[in-house]
PDB file of N, CA and C in Angstrom:
ATOM      1  N   MET A   1      83.019 103.392 158.291  1.00  0.00           N
ATOM      2  CA  MET A   1      82.763 104.452 157.348  1.00  0.00           C
ATOM      3  C   MET A   1      84.046 104.686 156.559  1.00  0.00           C
ATOM      4  N   LEU A   2      83.888 104.710 155.243  1.00  0.00           N
ATOM      5  CA  LEU A   2      85.017 104.932 154.356  1.00  0.00           C
ATOM      6  C   LEU A   2      84.724 106.106 153.425  1.00  0.00           C
ATOM      7  N   PRO A   3      85.739 106.852 153.051  1.00  0.00           N
ATOM      8  CA  PRO A   3      85.539 107.866 152.012  1.00  0.00           C
ATOM      9  C   PRO A   3      85.186 107.189 150.692  1.00  0.00           C
ATOM     10  N   SER A   4      84.447 107.868 149.849  1.00  0.00           N
ATOM     11  CA  SER A   4      84.017 107.270 148.582  1.00  0.00           C
ATOM     12  C   SER A   4      85.205 106.862 147.712  1.00  0.00           C
ATOM     13  N   HIS A   5      86.294 107.646 147.737  1.00  0.00           N
ATOM     14  CA  HIS A   5      87.446 107.282 146.903  1.00  0.00           C
ATOM     15  C   HIS A   5      88.091 105.982 147.381  1.00  0.00           C
ATOM     16  N   ALA A   6      87.973 105.655 148.667  1.00  0.00           N
ATOM     17  CA  ALA A   6      88.520 104.395 149.168  1.00  0.00           C
ATOM     18  C   ALA A   6      87.709 103.216 148.635  1.00  0.00           C
ATOM     19  N   VAL A   7      86.391 103.374 148.583  1.00  0.00           N
ATOM     20  CA  VAL A   7      85.539 102.312 148.043  1.00  0.00           C
ATOM     21  C   VAL A   7      85.798 102.145 146.557  1.00  0.00           C
ATOM     22  N   GLU A   8      85.907 103.258 145.833  1.00  0.00           N
ATOM     23  CA  GLU A   8      86.115 103.202 144.383  1.00  0.00           C
ATOM     24  C   GLU A   8      87.456 102.587 144.015  1.00  0.00           C
ATOM     25  N   SER A   9      88.474 102.760 144.868  1.00  0.00           N
ATOM     26  CA  SER A   9      89.796 102.224 144.539  1.00  0.00           C
ATOM     27  C   SER A   9      89.954 100.769 144.982  1.00  0.00           C
ATOM     28  N   PHE A  10      88.991 100.241 145.731  1.00  0.00           N
ATOM     29  CA  PHE A  10      89.017  98.836 146.143  1.00  0.00           C
ATOM     30  C   PHE A  10      88.940  97.949 144.907  1.00  0.00           C
ATOM     31  N   SER A  11      89.638  96.825 144.937  1.00  0.00           N
ATOM     32  CA  SER A  11      89.693  95.968 143.747  1.00  0.00           C
ATOM     33  C   SER A  11      88.335  95.372 143.370  1.00  0.00           C
ATOM     34  N   HIS A  12      87.422  95.219 144.323  1.00  0.00           N
ATOM     35  CA  HIS A  12      86.079  94.692 144.054  1.00  0.00           C
ATOM     36  C   HIS A  12      85.036  95.574 144.745  1.00  0.00           C
ATOM     37  N   PRO A  13      84.844  96.806 144.268  1.00  0.00           N
ATOM     38  CA  PRO A  13      83.930  97.722 144.966  1.00  0.00           C
ATOM     39  C   PRO A  13      82.489  97.217 145.016  1.00  0.00           C
ATOM     40  N   HIS A  14      82.113  96.332 144.100  1.00  0.00           N
ATOM     41  CA  HIS A  14      80.746  95.804 144.106  1.00  0.00           C
ATOM     42  C   HIS A  14      80.494  94.917 145.325  1.00  0.00           C
ATOM     43  N   LEU A  15      81.560  94.495 146.008  1.00  0.00           N
ATOM     44  CA  LEU A  15      81.408  93.659 147.196  1.00  0.00           C
ATOM     45  C   LEU A  15      81.182  94.479 148.477  1.00  0.00           C
ATOM     46  N   ILE A  16      81.307  95.795 148.368  1.00  0.00           N
ATOM     47  CA  ILE A  16      81.121  96.674 149.526  1.00  0.00           C
ATOM     48  C   ILE A  16      79.756  97.334 149.421  1.00  0.00           C
ATOM     49  N   PHE A  17      78.952  97.164 150.475  1.00  0.00           N
ATOM     50  CA  PHE A  17      77.646  97.821 150.517  1.00  0.00           C
ATOM     51  C   PHE A  17      77.857  99.285 150.882  1.00  0.00           C
ATOM     52  N   THR A  18      77.297 100.168 150.089  1.00  0.00           N
ATOM     53  CA  THR A  18      77.415 101.599 150.368  1.00  0.00           C
ATOM     54  C   THR A  18      76.040 102.193 150.608  1.00  0.00           C
ATOM     55  N   GLN A  19      75.989 103.122 151.536  1.00  0.00           N
ATOM     56  CA  GLN A  19      74.752 103.843 151.858  1.00  0.00           C
ATOM     57  C   GLN A  19      75.094 105.322 151.893  1.00  0.00           C
ATOM     58  N   PRO A  20      74.532 106.107 150.977  1.00  0.00           N
ATOM     59  CA  PRO A  20      74.835 107.543 150.997  1.00  0.00           C
ATOM     60  C   PRO A  20      74.333 108.196 152.281  1.00  0.00           C
ATOM     61  N   LEU A  21      75.059 109.175 152.764  1.00  0.00           N
ATOM     62  CA  LEU A  21      74.677 109.896 153.970  1.00  0.00           C
ATOM     63  C   LEU A  21      73.710 111.019 153.616  1.00  0.00           C
ATOM     64  N   SER A  22      72.742 111.250 154.478  1.00  0.00           N
ATOM     65  CA  SER A  22      71.792 112.342 154.235  1.00  0.00           C
ATOM     66  C   SER A  22      72.425 113.700 154.533  1.00  0.00           C
ATOM     67  N   ASN A  23      73.418 113.713 155.443  1.00  0.00           N
ATOM     68  CA  ASN A  23      74.145 114.942 155.763  1.00  0.00           C
ATOM     69  C   ASN A  23      75.636 114.694 155.556  1.00  0.00           C
ATOM     70  N   PRO A  24      76.321 115.617 154.897  1.00  0.00           N
ATOM     71  CA  PRO A  24      77.760 115.416 154.703  1.00  0.00           C
ATOM     72  C   PRO A  24      78.509 115.419 156.039  1.00  0.00           C
ATOM     73  N   VAL A  25      79.610 114.684 156.081  1.00  0.00           N
ATOM     74  CA  VAL A  25      80.434 114.603 157.277  1.00  0.00           C
ATOM     75  C   VAL A  25      81.692 115.428 157.052  1.00  0.00           C
ATOM     76  N   SER A  26      82.033 116.239 158.034  1.00  0.00           N
ATOM     77  CA  SER A  26      83.243 117.051 157.946  1.00  0.00           C
ATOM     78  C   SER A  26      83.928 117.032 159.305  1.00  0.00           C
ATOM     79  N   GLU A  27      85.215 116.733 159.301  1.00  0.00           N
ATOM     80  CA  GLU A  27      85.979 116.703 160.542  1.00  0.00           C
ATOM     81  C   GLU A  27      87.315 117.390 160.326  1.00  0.00           C
ATOM     82  N   THR A  28      87.849 117.953 161.382  1.00  0.00           N
ATOM     83  CA  THR A  28      89.166 118.568 161.344  1.00  0.00           C
ATOM     84  C   THR A  28      90.220 117.479 161.294  1.00  0.00           C
ATOM     85  N   LEU A  29      91.219 117.683 160.461  1.00  0.00           N
ATOM     86  CA  LEU A  29      92.311 116.728 160.324  1.00  0.00           C
ATOM     87  C   LEU A  29      93.548 117.314 160.989  1.00  0.00           C
ATOM     88  N   TYR A  30      94.112 116.577 161.932  1.00  0.00           N
ATOM     89  CA  TYR A  30      95.331 117.000 162.626  1.00  0.00           C
ATOM     90  C   TYR A  30      96.478 116.100 162.177  1.00  0.00           C
ATOM     91  N   VAL A  31      97.593 116.710 161.837  1.00  0.00           N
ATOM     92  CA  VAL A  31      98.773 115.947 161.456  1.00  0.00           C
ATOM     93  C   VAL A  31      99.871 116.276 162.457  1.00  0.00           C
ATOM     94  N   ALA A  32     100.359 115.248 163.135  1.00  0.00           N
ATOM     95  CA  ALA A  32     101.429 115.426 164.120  1.00  0.00           C
ATOM     96  C   ALA A  32     102.580 114.500 163.761  1.00  0.00           C
ATOM     97  N   THR A  33     103.773 114.980 163.955  1.00  0.00           N
ATOM     98  CA  THR A  33     104.948 114.154 163.670  1.00  0.00           C
ATOM     99  C   THR A  33     105.896 114.195 164.858  1.00  0.00           C
ATOM    100  N   GLN A  34     106.746 113.192 164.939  1.00  0.00           N
ATOM    101  CA  GLN A  34     107.782 113.151 165.954  1.00  0.00           C
ATOM    102  C   GLN A  34     109.112 113.433 165.276  1.00  0.00           C
ATOM    103  N   ASN A  35     109.907 114.266 165.883  1.00  0.00           N
ATOM    104  CA  ASN A  35     111.206 114.596 165.303  1.00  0.00           C
ATOM    105  C   ASN A  35     112.280 113.565 165.653  1.00  0.00           C
ATOM    106  N   ILE A  36     111.904 112.565 166.419  1.00  0.00           N
ATOM    107  CA  ILE A  36     112.887 111.581 166.885  1.00  0.00           C
ATOM    108  C   ILE A  36     113.339 110.661 165.753  1.00  0.00           C
ATOM    109  N   SER A  37     112.400 110.193 164.953  1.00  0.00           N
ATOM    110  CA  SER A  37     112.763 109.234 163.907  1.00  0.00           C
ATOM    111  C   SER A  37     112.375 109.763 162.530  1.00  0.00           C
ATOM    112  N   ARG A  38     112.953 109.165 161.511  1.00  0.00           N
ATOM    113  CA  ARG A  38     112.618 109.538 160.136  1.00  0.00           C
ATOM    114  C   ARG A  38     111.241 109.003 159.800  1.00  0.00           C
ATOM    115  N   LEU A  39     110.493 109.786 159.033  1.00  0.00           N
ATOM    116  CA  LEU A  39     109.165 109.367 158.610  1.00  0.00           C
ATOM    117  C   LEU A  39     109.252 108.589 157.307  1.00  0.00           C
ATOM    118  N   PRO A  40     108.398 107.592 157.135  1.00  0.00           N
ATOM    119  CA  PRO A  40     108.370 106.886 155.849  1.00  0.00           C
ATOM    120  C   PRO A  40     107.976 107.854 154.729  1.00  0.00           C
ATOM    121  N   GLN A  41     108.400 107.575 153.524  1.00  0.00           N
ATOM    122  CA  GLN A  41     108.116 108.443 152.378  1.00  0.00           C
ATOM    123  C   GLN A  41     106.617 108.619 152.175  1.00  0.00           C
ATOM    124  N   ARG A  42     105.810 107.578 152.455  1.00  0.00           N
ATOM    125  CA  ARG A  42     104.368 107.684 152.265  1.00  0.00           C
ATOM    126  C   ARG A  42     103.764 108.761 153.186  1.00  0.00           C
ATOM    127  N   VAL A  43     104.341 108.908 154.391  1.00  0.00           N
ATOM    128  CA  VAL A  43     103.856 109.933 155.308  1.00  0.00           C
ATOM    129  C   VAL A  43     104.253 111.311 154.796  1.00  0.00           C
ATOM    130  N   ASN A  44     105.478 111.442 154.312  1.00  0.00           N
ATOM    131  CA  ASN A  44     105.928 112.719 153.745  1.00  0.00           C
ATOM    132  C   ASN A  44     105.065 113.120 152.551  1.00  0.00           C
ATOM    133  N   THR A  45     104.672 112.152 151.747  1.00  0.00           N
ATOM    134  CA  THR A  45     103.811 112.438 150.601  1.00  0.00           C
ATOM    135  C   THR A  45     102.477 113.021 151.058  1.00  0.00           C
ATOM    136  N   VAL A  46     101.885 112.435 152.074  1.00  0.00           N
ATOM    137  CA  VAL A  46     100.606 112.937 152.595  1.00  0.00           C
ATOM    138  C   VAL A  46     100.772 114.343 153.163  1.00  0.00           C
ATOM    139  N   ILE A  47     101.805 114.562 153.946  1.00  0.00           N
ATOM    140  CA  ILE A  47     102.036 115.879 154.546  1.00  0.00           C
ATOM    141  C   ILE A  47     102.271 116.921 153.458  1.00  0.00           C
ATOM    142  N   ASN A  48     103.061 116.602 152.450  1.00  0.00           N
ATOM    143  CA  ASN A  48     103.319 117.552 151.361  1.00  0.00           C
ATOM    144  C   ASN A  48     102.042 117.875 150.597  1.00  0.00           C
ATOM    145  N   THR A  49     101.196 116.892 150.375  1.00  0.00           N
ATOM    146  CA  THR A  49      99.927 117.124 149.680  1.00  0.00           C
ATOM    147  C   THR A  49      99.029 118.042 150.495  1.00  0.00           C
ATOM    148  N   ILE A  50      98.946 117.818 151.786  1.00  0.00           N
ATOM    149  CA  ILE A  50      98.138 118.669 152.663  1.00  0.00           C
ATOM    150  C   ILE A  50      98.677 120.097 152.649  1.00  0.00           C
ATOM    151  N   GLN A  51      99.981 120.250 152.730  1.00  0.00           N
ATOM    152  CA  GLN A  51     100.573 121.596 152.724  1.00  0.00           C
ATOM    153  C   GLN A  51     100.273 122.334 151.418  1.00  0.00           C
ATOM    154  N   ARG A  52     100.332 121.630 150.285  1.00  0.00           N
ATOM    155  CA  ARG A  52     100.023 122.268 149.000  1.00  0.00           C
ATOM    156  C   ARG A  52      98.560 122.703 148.942  1.00  0.00           C
ATOM    157  N   CYS A  53      97.677 121.897 149.508  1.00  0.00           N
ATOM    158  CA  CYS A  53      96.247 122.228 149.492  1.00  0.00           C
ATOM    159  C   CYS A  53      95.951 123.444 150.376  1.00  0.00           C
ATOM    160  N   LEU A  54      96.734 123.641 151.415  1.00  0.00           N
ATOM    161  CA  LEU A  54      96.482 124.745 152.337  1.00  0.00           C
ATOM    162  C   LEU A  54      97.079 126.066 151.874  1.00  0.00           C
ATOM    163  N   GLN A  55      97.907 126.022 150.848  1.00  0.00           N
ATOM    164  CA  GLN A  55      98.536 127.262 150.372  1.00  0.00           C
ATOM    165  C   GLN A  55      97.644 128.004 149.403  1.00  0.00           C
TER     166      GLN A  55
END
C-alpha cells in the first residue's frame, strides 16, 4: 500500500496498478530519534515539516 502522492511521483505511474479504498485509512505517526548520532538532513526535513503542521 502506497500513499497516492508516492504513486504520482513515480517516474512511470501508469505501470503501477491502483485500487481506490472504499474506506479511508488513518494511522498515528510516531517519530522517534536517538540523541547518540547526528541525523541525516532528510530526517531533519521530515521532522521540521511535521512540527510545522502540528503548530
